[in-house]
Amino acid sequence: MYKIIKILIVITLLLGSAITYINPIASAEEDSNWNKIKQRGELRVGLSADYAPLEFEKIKNGKTDYAGVDIELAKKIAKDNHLKLKIINMQFDSLLGALKTGKIDVIISGMTTTPERKKEVDFTEPYMMTNNVMLVKKSDKNKYKDLKDFTGKKIAAQKGTDQEKIAHNEIKDSQVSSLNRLPESILALKSGKVVGTIVEKPVGEAYLKQNPELEFADVKFNEEKKPTCIAVPKNSPISLKHLNQTIDEVNNKNLIDKYMNQAAQDMQDDGNFFTKYGSFFIKGIKNTILISLVGVILGSILGAFIALLKINKFKPLSWLASIYIEFLRGTPMLVQVFIVFFGTTAALGLDVSALICGTIALIINSSAYIAEIIRAGINAVDKGQMEAARSLGLNYIQTMKSVIMPQAIKNILPALGNEFVTLIKESSIVSTIGVGEIMFNAQVVQGISFDPFTPLIVAAVLYFILTFALSRIMSLVEGRMKASD
């Protein structure tokens, strides 16, 4: 009897192995990514909304909304799977990192497959086939009729894209300007910084309609049409299955052509620059003031705590504060922003919004500088003040609170005002993770309007107004405090 049981166990194991071999997906681990999406009831789609007609922002009923081919595809996927759709807009070269750390569920951003990307993520079936073209100034079209004519020339391409790879591989001795966003590449071309910009053909056609001074160069790259697909995290078989079902329907019904026509309507020019895009800049001003104000207030509180630790006579605490300050002052804020943004999910497993992550990064960064400002202010107070207060019976905490800190704050107020001004300008860095402050919304307007220059001028004026107004307010406050002397 015992031998029969052993034989049955062996047969069962062999049958299980055979079934696994025949149908590996059926025996694979359950798709945790798809389970999280279904439990949340929301599909978070990452994209870079500066790539019309594939994805861009527009004004609808007085509010900003997303439009384009990829947006319509995302809506259909969400509808087919009974999910809510959440669009997360960020720079293109940040999308893969956001996908791998769980900030987004899928990437639908005109992404073509490459061997390098396939190592990092999985791709669906293609929903569109595209090829790349070279944009040049219309006056230079006759100069560039072959790829050899671009030898040694400066070429622009969006960072992290297939176009960047083509510029390096197919143009001999090319000097490639890899820029974060496509509008920056177009601006570089229009301003004469580069002689050509490589783009996908549908996107190039959209820019030509709005920029008559540009034209396609009569050159062809050594490539066939490449598939545009949706990227999902590795080992997501169920996700791929559901996405491919929608893509099959889209391809069978030729819905991409319908989405293209809809995008063309959404890009129609129906007013002057400020009536169409003013709301973007107003939203940017609100977010810039919010994150800067929160950053400087909480940064001052944290900075004061760090300053007190640094002047503490207990050496381990003093060393710890010094390490904190030196590390934050010695590393770029951009790195700190990315560490907070990706680290909150990858290391802590928290799903924190880009706005909160950007604000936290600003608080931490400013606290290091404010700590040194406060420490200098405390050291500037005459030592006799501490001795006099202690001789009157005040303990250390009471002395710092009632005697030293009020005098120190009065001394450091101008420096704190300068830090606030600096923080307003440096808040533009958080645009890299999709926080809708002034610079981010200026970039959005660049993508919608196909005007890469005017939005930058408006953004510069708005930053100047904010910083100048703050500087005047701080001067008035300082004047009042001097009068009390």
Protein backbone atom coordinates (compact mmCIF):
# COMPACT_ATOMS: atom_id res chain seq x y z
CA MET A 1 0.00 0.00 0.00
CA TYR A 2 2.84 2.37 0.89
CA LYS A 3 4.51 1.76 -2.52
CA ILE A 4 1.24 2.49 -4.35
CA ILE A 5 0.93 5.85 -2.55
CA LYS A 6 4.51 6.74 -3.50
CA ILE A 7 3.82 5.86 -7.16
CA LEU A 8 0.67 8.01 -7.14
CA ILE A 9 2.61 10.95 -5.68
CA VAL A 10 5.30 10.64 -8.37
CA ILE A 11 2.67 10.48 -11.15
CA THR A 12 0.93 13.56 -9.71
CA LEU A 13 4.19 15.51 -9.65
CA LEU A 14 5.00 14.51 -13.23
CA LEU A 15 1.54 15.55 -14.44
CA GLY A 16 1.91 18.87 -12.64
CA SER A 17 5.27 19.47 -14.29
CA ALA A 18 3.84 18.63 -17.71
CA ILE A 19 0.92 21.01 -17.25
CA THR A 20 3.33 23.74 -16.14
CA TYR A 21 5.47 23.14 -19.22
CA ILE A 22 2.48 23.21 -21.59
CA ASN A 23 0.84 26.27 -20.01
CA PRO A 24 3.42 28.26 -18.02
CA ILE A 25 1.11 31.27 -17.56
CA ALA A 26 -1.54 29.15 -15.88
CA SER A 27 0.96 27.90 -13.32
CA ALA A 28 2.80 31.16 -12.87
CA GLU A 29 2.40 33.20 -9.76
CA GLU A 30 -0.68 35.33 -9.69
CA ASP A 31 -0.15 38.76 -11.24
CA SER A 32 0.35 40.94 -8.14
CA ASN A 33 0.42 44.09 -10.26
CA TRP A 34 -3.02 43.42 -11.72
CA ASN A 35 -4.36 42.46 -8.28
CA LYS A 36 -3.25 45.81 -6.88
CA ILE A 37 -4.92 47.63 -9.77
CA LYS A 38 -8.21 45.79 -9.25
CA GLN A 39 -8.14 46.27 -5.47
CA ARG A 40 -7.51 49.97 -5.95
CA GLY A 41 -10.13 50.18 -8.68
CA GLU A 42 -7.92 52.65 -10.47
CA LEU A 43 -5.47 52.43 -13.37
CA ARG A 44 -2.54 54.84 -12.96
CA VAL A 45 -1.17 55.67 -16.42
CA GLY A 46 2.18 57.44 -16.69
CA LEU A 47 2.92 59.67 -19.66
CA SER A 48 4.65 62.88 -20.76
CA ALA A 49 1.87 65.23 -21.88
CA ASP A 50 4.02 67.34 -24.19
CA TYR A 51 3.80 65.04 -27.20
CA ALA A 52 0.81 66.10 -29.30
CA PRO A 53 -1.08 64.53 -30.98
CA LEU A 54 -0.31 61.47 -28.82
CA GLU A 55 -0.75 63.18 -25.45
CA PHE A 56 -1.20 66.80 -24.39
CA GLU A 57 -3.28 68.98 -22.09
CA LYS A 58 -6.15 71.27 -23.09
CA ILE A 59 -8.76 73.51 -21.51
CA LYS A 60 -12.22 71.97 -21.23
CA ASN A 61 -15.09 73.82 -19.52
CA GLY A 62 -12.58 76.09 -17.82
CA LYS A 63 -10.54 73.17 -16.45
CA THR A 64 -7.41 71.43 -17.66
CA ASP A 65 -7.91 68.04 -19.23
CA TYR A 66 -5.79 65.51 -21.10
CA ALA A 67 -6.29 64.68 -24.76
CA GLY A 68 -4.60 62.74 -27.55
CA VAL A 69 -4.33 59.27 -29.03
CA ASP A 70 -2.73 57.72 -25.95
CA ILE A 71 -5.30 59.33 -23.67
CA GLU A 72 -8.19 57.85 -25.67
CA LEU A 73 -6.50 54.45 -25.59
CA ALA A 74 -6.03 54.73 -21.81
CA LYS A 75 -9.71 55.65 -21.38
CA LYS A 76 -10.79 52.61 -23.36
CA ILE A 77 -8.54 50.27 -21.37
CA ALA A 78 -9.94 51.64 -18.11
CA LYS A 79 -13.53 51.36 -19.37
CA ASP A 80 -13.06 47.80 -20.67
CA ASN A 81 -11.76 46.69 -17.28
CA HIS A 82 -14.23 48.71 -15.17
CA LEU A 83 -11.50 50.90 -13.66
CA LYS A 84 -11.13 54.56 -12.92
CA LEU A 85 -8.39 56.30 -14.90
CA LYS A 86 -5.70 58.42 -13.25
CA ILE A 87 -3.20 60.21 -15.50
CA ILE A 88 0.22 60.90 -13.97
CA ASN A 89 2.16 63.40 -16.03
CA MET A 90 5.96 63.59 -15.72
CA GLN A 91 9.09 63.83 -17.84
CA PHE A 92 9.56 61.00 -20.31
CA ASP A 93 12.92 59.87 -18.93
CA SER A 94 11.37 59.45 -15.45
CA LEU A 95 8.62 57.09 -16.58
CA LEU A 96 10.56 53.81 -16.46
CA GLY A 97 11.79 54.58 -12.94
CA ALA A 98 8.24 55.42 -11.86
CA LEU A 99 6.95 52.15 -13.33
CA LYS A 100 9.63 50.01 -11.67
CA THR A 101 9.08 51.62 -8.25
CA GLY A 102 5.29 51.30 -8.40
CA LYS A 103 4.43 54.99 -8.81
CA ILE A 104 2.47 54.12 -11.95
CA ASP A 105 0.88 50.92 -13.27
CA VAL A 106 1.56 51.25 -17.01
CA ILE A 107 3.26 53.62 -19.46
CA ILE A 108 1.19 54.81 -22.42
CA SER A 109 3.40 57.51 -23.89
CA GLY A 110 4.21 56.72 -27.50
CA MET A 111 6.94 54.36 -26.30
CA THR A 112 8.63 52.14 -28.87
CA THR A 113 10.25 48.84 -27.95
CA THR A 114 14.02 48.54 -27.75
CA PRO A 115 16.24 45.67 -26.51
CA GLU A 116 17.36 47.83 -23.58
CA ARG A 117 13.80 48.62 -22.50
CA LYS A 118 12.73 44.98 -22.85
CA LYS A 119 15.29 44.09 -20.18
CA GLU A 120 13.56 46.42 -17.74
CA VAL A 121 9.84 46.08 -18.57
CA ASP A 122 7.42 43.99 -20.64
CA PHE A 123 5.50 45.33 -23.63
CA THR A 124 2.04 44.68 -25.03
CA GLU A 125 1.22 44.07 -28.66
CA PRO A 126 1.71 47.24 -30.75
CA TYR A 127 -1.20 49.63 -31.14
CA MET A 128 0.53 51.85 -33.68
CA MET A 129 3.47 51.70 -36.10
CA THR A 130 5.55 54.85 -36.52
CA ASN A 131 8.74 56.01 -38.16
CA ASN A 132 11.09 58.87 -37.38
CA VAL A 133 11.81 61.99 -39.40
CA MET A 134 14.19 64.93 -39.24
CA LEU A 135 12.86 68.45 -38.75
CA VAL A 136 14.94 71.32 -40.13
CA LYS A 137 14.38 74.99 -40.88
CA LYS A 138 12.58 75.46 -44.19
CA SER A 139 15.39 77.75 -45.36
CA ASP A 140 17.90 74.92 -44.78
CA LYS A 141 15.94 72.12 -46.46
CA ASN A 142 18.06 72.15 -49.64
CA LYS A 143 21.26 71.89 -47.57
CA TYR A 144 20.29 68.57 -46.02
CA LYS A 145 19.21 65.92 -48.53
CA ASP A 146 21.15 63.00 -47.10
CA LEU A 147 22.20 61.79 -43.67
CA LYS A 148 25.81 62.46 -44.69
CA ASP A 149 24.96 66.17 -44.82
CA PHE A 150 24.40 66.07 -41.05
CA THR A 151 27.90 64.65 -40.36
CA GLY A 152 29.47 66.51 -37.45
CA LYS A 153 26.39 68.71 -37.02
CA LYS A 154 24.45 69.42 -33.84
CA ILE A 155 21.25 67.35 -33.64
CA ALA A 156 18.55 67.59 -30.96
CA ALA A 157 16.50 64.72 -29.57
CA GLN A 158 14.43 64.07 -26.48
CA LYS A 159 16.39 62.34 -23.73
CA GLY A 160 15.71 58.65 -23.21
CA THR A 161 13.94 58.16 -26.54
CA ASP A 162 14.56 56.08 -29.63
CA GLN A 163 15.27 59.34 -31.48
CA GLU A 164 18.25 60.00 -29.23
CA LYS A 165 19.65 56.56 -30.06
CA ILE A 166 19.18 57.17 -33.81
CA ALA A 167 21.02 60.49 -33.60
CA HIS A 168 24.01 58.76 -32.00
CA ASN A 169 24.05 55.65 -34.21
CA GLU A 170 23.07 56.81 -37.68
CA ILE A 171 24.69 60.23 -38.00
CA LYS A 172 28.46 60.15 -38.16
CA ASP A 173 30.28 62.30 -35.59
CA SER A 174 26.98 63.84 -34.55
CA GLN A 175 26.88 66.28 -31.65
CA VAL A 176 23.66 65.25 -29.94
CA SER A 177 21.82 67.65 -27.66
CA SER A 178 19.75 65.33 -25.44
CA LEU A 179 17.00 67.50 -23.97
CA ASN A 180 14.39 66.55 -21.37
CA ARG A 181 11.37 67.56 -23.41
CA LEU A 182 10.44 67.73 -27.07
CA PRO A 183 9.49 71.47 -27.03
CA GLU A 184 13.03 72.19 -25.86
CA SER A 185 14.34 70.35 -28.94
CA ILE A 186 12.05 72.39 -31.20
CA LEU A 187 13.19 75.62 -29.52
CA ALA A 188 16.82 74.61 -30.03
CA LEU A 189 16.09 74.14 -33.74
CA LYS A 190 14.17 77.39 -34.15
CA SER A 191 16.87 79.38 -32.33
CA GLY A 192 19.67 77.89 -34.43
CA LYS A 193 21.31 75.94 -31.59
CA VAL A 194 20.96 72.76 -33.67
CA VAL A 195 20.43 72.13 -37.37
CA GLY A 196 17.92 69.31 -36.98
CA THR A 197 15.57 67.63 -34.53
CA ILE A 198 14.52 63.97 -34.79
CA VAL A 199 10.86 63.28 -33.99
CA GLU A 200 8.18 60.72 -34.72
CA LYS A 201 6.32 61.56 -37.91
CA PRO A 202 2.82 62.16 -36.41
CA VAL A 203 4.31 64.51 -33.83
CA GLY A 204 6.41 66.27 -36.45
CA GLU A 205 3.33 66.84 -38.61
CA ALA A 206 1.57 68.49 -35.68
CA TYR A 207 4.50 70.85 -35.13
CA LEU A 208 4.68 71.77 -38.83
CA LYS A 209 1.07 72.95 -38.77
CA GLN A 210 1.92 75.46 -36.04
CA ASN A 211 5.47 76.34 -37.14
CA PRO A 212 5.52 77.20 -40.88
CA GLU A 213 9.22 78.04 -40.72
CA LEU A 214 10.03 74.34 -40.20
CA GLU A 215 10.02 71.47 -42.70
CA PHE A 216 10.85 67.77 -42.99
CA ALA A 217 14.30 67.02 -44.39
CA ASP A 218 14.33 64.62 -47.36
CA VAL A 219 16.31 61.98 -45.50
CA LYS A 220 15.51 58.46 -44.38
CA PHE A 221 16.86 56.59 -41.41
CA ASN A 222 18.05 52.99 -41.62
CA GLU A 223 15.00 51.61 -39.87
CA GLU A 224 11.64 50.09 -40.53
CA LYS A 225 8.48 51.33 -38.90
CA LYS A 226 8.72 50.60 -35.19
CA PRO A 227 5.92 49.35 -32.93
CA THR A 228 4.45 51.69 -30.34
CA CYS A 229 3.41 49.67 -27.29
CA ILE A 230 2.30 49.92 -23.68
CA ALA A 231 4.93 49.16 -21.04
CA VAL A 232 4.06 47.13 -17.93
CA PRO A 233 6.20 45.84 -15.04
CA LYS A 234 8.04 42.56 -15.51
CA ASN A 235 6.12 39.37 -14.73
CA SER A 236 2.66 40.84 -15.34
CA PRO A 237 0.94 38.18 -17.50
CA ILE A 238 -2.61 39.05 -16.46
CA SER A 239 -2.03 42.74 -17.07
CA LEU A 240 -0.68 41.97 -20.54
CA LYS A 241 -3.67 39.76 -21.28
CA HIS A 242 -6.22 42.47 -20.44
CA LEU A 243 -4.30 45.23 -22.20
CA ASN A 244 -3.81 43.14 -25.34
CA GLN A 245 -7.53 42.40 -25.51
CA THR A 246 -8.26 46.12 -25.77
CA ILE A 247 -5.41 46.68 -28.23
CA ASP A 248 -6.72 43.88 -30.48
CA GLU A 249 -10.12 45.55 -30.57
CA VAL A 250 -8.53 48.96 -31.28
CA ASN A 251 -6.52 47.53 -34.16
CA ASN A 252 -9.42 45.51 -35.62
CA LYS A 253 -11.73 48.54 -35.63
CA ASN A 254 -9.02 51.01 -36.77
CA LEU A 255 -9.78 53.20 -33.77
CA ILE A 256 -6.34 54.88 -33.88
CA ASP A 257 -7.44 56.86 -36.96
CA LYS A 258 -10.52 57.98 -35.02
CA TYR A 259 -8.33 59.00 -32.07
CA MET A 260 -6.04 60.96 -34.43
CA ASN A 261 -8.98 62.92 -35.82
CA GLN A 262 -10.21 63.67 -32.31
CA ALA A 263 -6.74 64.88 -31.31
CA ALA A 264 -6.62 67.19 -34.35
CA GLN A 265 -9.91 68.78 -33.24
CA ASP A 266 -8.67 69.19 -29.68
CA MET A 267 -5.56 71.01 -30.94
CA GLN A 268 -7.57 73.65 -32.84
CA ASP A 269 -6.57 77.25 -32.12
CA ASP A 270 -9.62 79.01 -30.66
CA GLY A 271 -8.40 82.14 -28.90
CA ASN A 272 -5.40 84.24 -27.92
CA PHE A 273 -2.51 82.93 -25.87
CA PHE A 274 -3.62 84.20 -22.46
CA THR A 275 -7.32 83.30 -22.72
CA LYS A 276 -6.38 79.74 -23.71
CA TYR A 277 -3.47 79.12 -21.35
CA GLY A 278 -3.88 81.62 -18.52
CA SER A 279 -5.45 79.02 -16.23
CA PHE A 280 -2.31 76.86 -16.51
CA PHE A 281 -0.14 79.68 -15.19
CA ILE A 282 -2.62 80.57 -12.42
CA LYS A 283 -2.56 76.96 -11.25
CA GLY A 284 1.24 77.03 -11.39
CA ILE A 285 1.41 80.19 -9.25
CA LYS A 286 -0.84 78.63 -6.59
CA ASN A 287 1.26 75.46 -6.37
CA THR A 288 4.55 77.37 -6.39
CA ILE A 289 3.45 79.61 -3.49
CA LEU A 290 2.06 76.60 -1.61
CA ILE A 291 5.14 74.39 -1.78
CA SER A 292 7.51 77.32 -1.19
CA LEU A 293 5.57 78.59 1.84
CA VAL A 294 5.24 75.12 3.38
CA GLY A 295 8.87 74.42 2.52
CA VAL A 296 10.23 77.52 4.26
CA ILE A 297 7.96 77.25 7.35
CA LEU A 298 8.51 73.56 8.05
CA GLY A 299 12.10 73.88 6.84
CA SER A 300 12.65 76.63 9.45
CA ILE A 301 11.21 74.46 12.22
CA LEU A 302 13.31 71.46 11.21
CA GLY A 303 16.32 73.70 10.60
CA ALA A 304 16.04 75.21 14.08
CA PHE A 305 16.00 71.72 15.59
CA ILE A 306 19.06 70.69 13.54
CA ALA A 307 20.87 73.92 14.52
CA LEU A 308 20.28 73.23 18.21
CA LEU A 309 21.60 69.70 17.76
CA LYS A 310 24.73 71.01 16.07
CA ILE A 311 25.58 73.47 18.86
CA ASN A 312 24.77 70.82 21.47
CA LYS A 313 27.71 69.86 23.67
CA PHE A 314 26.83 66.16 23.36
CA LYS A 315 29.20 65.28 20.50
CA PRO A 316 27.30 62.36 18.87
CA LEU A 317 24.24 64.59 18.33
CA SER A 318 26.43 67.40 17.04
CA TRP A 319 28.18 65.04 14.60
CA LEU A 320 24.85 63.65 13.41
CA ALA A 321 23.55 67.16 12.70
CA SER A 322 26.77 68.04 10.88
CA ILE A 323 26.49 64.95 8.66
CA TYR A 324 22.86 65.81 7.86
CA ILE A 325 23.75 69.38 6.89
CA GLU A 326 26.84 68.54 4.87
CA PHE A 327 25.13 65.75 2.93
CA LEU A 328 22.15 67.90 1.92
CA ARG A 329 24.30 70.90 1.06
CA GLY A 330 26.74 68.72 -0.86
CA THR A 331 24.21 66.94 -3.12
CA PRO A 332 22.03 68.46 -5.87
CA MET A 333 18.40 69.12 -5.02
CA LEU A 334 17.39 67.24 -8.18
CA VAL A 335 18.93 64.06 -6.74
CA GLN A 336 17.15 64.62 -3.44
CA VAL A 337 13.82 65.10 -5.23
CA PHE A 338 14.20 61.80 -7.08
CA ILE A 339 15.32 59.97 -3.92
CA VAL A 340 12.20 61.12 -2.05
CA PHE A 341 9.88 60.52 -5.00
CA PHE A 342 11.05 57.00 -5.85
CA GLY A 343 12.23 56.06 -2.36
CA THR A 344 8.85 56.55 -0.69
CA THR A 345 7.47 53.75 -2.84
CA ALA A 346 10.48 51.51 -3.48
CA ALA A 347 11.86 51.58 0.08
CA LEU A 348 8.86 52.44 2.24
CA GLY A 349 6.01 51.05 0.13
CA LEU A 350 4.05 54.32 0.42
CA ASP A 351 1.99 55.73 -2.44
CA VAL A 352 2.72 59.44 -1.94
CA SER A 353 1.71 62.05 -4.50
CA ALA A 354 4.30 64.00 -6.48
CA LEU A 355 3.20 67.25 -4.83
CA ILE A 356 3.84 65.90 -1.33
CA CYS A 357 7.13 64.29 -2.37
CA GLY A 358 8.31 67.53 -3.96
CA THR A 359 7.32 69.53 -0.86
CA ILE A 360 9.13 67.08 1.44
CA ALA A 361 12.28 67.36 -0.70
CA LEU A 362 12.13 71.16 -0.49
CA ILE A 363 11.60 71.04 3.29
CA ILE A 364 14.57 68.72 3.82
CA ASN A 365 16.84 70.69 1.49
CA SER A 366 15.96 74.11 2.93
CA SER A 367 16.29 72.83 6.52
CA ALA A 368 20.02 72.22 6.00
CA TYR A 369 20.63 75.79 4.83
CA ILE A 370 18.30 77.32 7.42
CA ALA A 371 20.04 75.30 10.16
CA GLU A 372 23.32 77.01 9.33
CA ILE A 373 21.60 80.41 9.18
CA ILE A 374 20.04 79.89 12.62
CA ARG A 375 23.27 78.53 14.08
CA ALA A 376 25.11 81.62 12.87
CA GLY A 377 22.35 83.83 14.33
CA ILE A 378 22.58 82.10 17.72
CA ASN A 379 26.36 82.40 17.79
CA ALA A 380 26.04 86.10 16.94
CA VAL A 381 24.12 86.78 20.17
CA ASP A 382 26.48 88.02 22.88
CA LYS A 383 27.48 85.22 25.24
CA GLY A 384 26.73 87.50 28.14
CA GLN A 385 23.02 87.17 27.35
CA MET A 386 23.15 83.45 28.13
CA GLU A 387 25.13 84.05 31.32
CA ALA A 388 22.79 86.80 32.49
CA ALA A 389 19.69 84.70 31.88
CA ARG A 390 21.13 81.70 33.67
CA SER A 391 22.16 83.84 36.62
CA LEU A 392 18.52 85.00 36.91
CA GLY A 393 17.44 81.39 37.39
CA LEU A 394 16.35 80.47 33.86
CA ASN A 395 17.26 76.99 32.69
CA TYR A 396 18.85 76.31 29.28
CA ILE A 397 15.56 75.72 27.42
CA GLN A 398 13.92 78.82 28.92
CA THR A 399 16.97 80.91 28.06
CA MET A 400 17.02 79.73 24.44
CA LYS A 401 13.27 80.26 24.07
CA SER A 402 12.88 83.65 25.73
CA VAL A 403 16.27 85.34 25.39
CA ILE A 404 18.55 83.90 22.71
CA MET A 405 16.17 82.85 19.91
CA PRO A 406 14.21 86.16 19.71
CA GLN A 407 17.47 88.05 19.22
CA ALA A 408 18.82 85.45 16.79
CA ILE A 409 15.66 85.50 14.65
CA LYS A 410 15.86 89.29 14.42
CA ASN A 411 19.44 88.99 13.17
CA ILE A 412 18.76 86.23 10.66
CA LEU A 413 15.49 87.54 9.21
CA PRO A 414 17.14 88.97 6.06
CA ALA A 415 18.90 85.65 5.42
CA LEU A 416 15.64 83.75 5.94
CA GLY A 417 13.94 86.07 3.45
CA ASN A 418 16.67 85.32 0.91
CA GLU A 419 16.17 81.60 1.51
CA PHE A 420 12.45 82.00 0.79
CA VAL A 421 13.24 83.82 -2.45
CA THR A 422 15.70 81.09 -3.41
CA LEU A 423 13.17 78.39 -2.58
CA ILE A 424 10.57 79.94 -4.91
CA LYS A 425 13.04 79.74 -7.79
CA GLU A 426 14.34 76.29 -6.89
CA SER A 427 10.80 74.93 -6.67
CA SER A 428 10.99 74.63 -10.47
CA ILE A 429 13.09 71.49 -9.94
CA VAL A 430 10.07 69.55 -8.70
CA SER A 431 8.56 69.88 -12.19
CA THR A 432 10.74 66.88 -13.11
CA ILE A 433 8.45 64.57 -11.11
CA GLY A 434 5.23 66.11 -12.38
CA VAL A 435 4.40 68.74 -9.75
CA GLY A 436 2.25 71.39 -11.43
CA GLU A 437 4.13 74.52 -10.41
CA ILE A 438 4.94 77.46 -12.72
CA MET A 439 7.72 75.80 -14.72
CA PHE A 440 5.82 72.54 -15.15
CA ASN A 441 2.75 74.33 -16.47
CA ALA A 442 4.90 76.46 -18.77
CA GLN A 443 6.23 73.22 -20.23
CA VAL A 444 2.67 71.94 -20.60
CA VAL A 445 1.73 75.07 -22.54
CA GLN A 446 4.79 74.56 -24.74
CA GLY A 447 3.44 71.15 -25.71
CA ILE A 448 -0.11 72.36 -26.38
CA SER A 449 0.67 75.59 -28.20
CA PHE A 450 3.69 74.26 -30.16
CA ASP A 451 5.30 77.55 -29.12
CA PRO A 452 8.47 76.68 -27.21
CA PHE A 453 9.50 80.28 -26.40
CA THR A 454 6.54 82.40 -25.19
CA PRO A 455 5.64 80.17 -22.21
CA LEU A 456 9.21 80.50 -20.92
CA ILE A 457 8.99 84.31 -21.03
CA VAL A 458 5.69 84.21 -19.12
CA ALA A 459 7.20 81.84 -16.53
CA ALA A 460 10.23 84.13 -16.08
CA VAL A 461 7.96 87.16 -15.54
CA LEU A 462 5.85 85.28 -12.98
CA TYR A 463 8.90 84.14 -11.01
CA PHE A 464 10.22 87.72 -11.04
CA ILE A 465 6.89 89.11 -9.77
CA LEU A 466 6.79 86.60 -6.91
CA THR A 467 10.40 87.10 -5.83
CA PHE A 468 10.30 90.90 -6.21
CA ALA A 469 7.07 91.15 -4.19
CA LEU A 470 8.53 88.93 -1.46
CA SER A 471 11.73 90.99 -1.36
CA ARG A 472 9.70 94.21 -0.88
CA ILE A 473 7.66 92.61 1.92
CA MET A 474 10.81 91.44 3.68
CA SER A 475 12.28 94.95 3.39
CA LEU A 476 9.19 96.41 5.07
CA VAL A 477 9.40 93.86 7.88
CA GLU A 478 13.09 94.60 8.41
CA GLY A 479 12.34 98.32 8.48
CA ARG A 480 9.72 97.84 11.20
CA MET A 481 12.13 95.75 13.27
CA LYS A 482 14.88 98.36 12.92
CA ALA A 483 12.45 101.03 14.07
CA SER A 484 11.94 99.07 17.30
CA ASP A 485 15.67 99.40 18.00
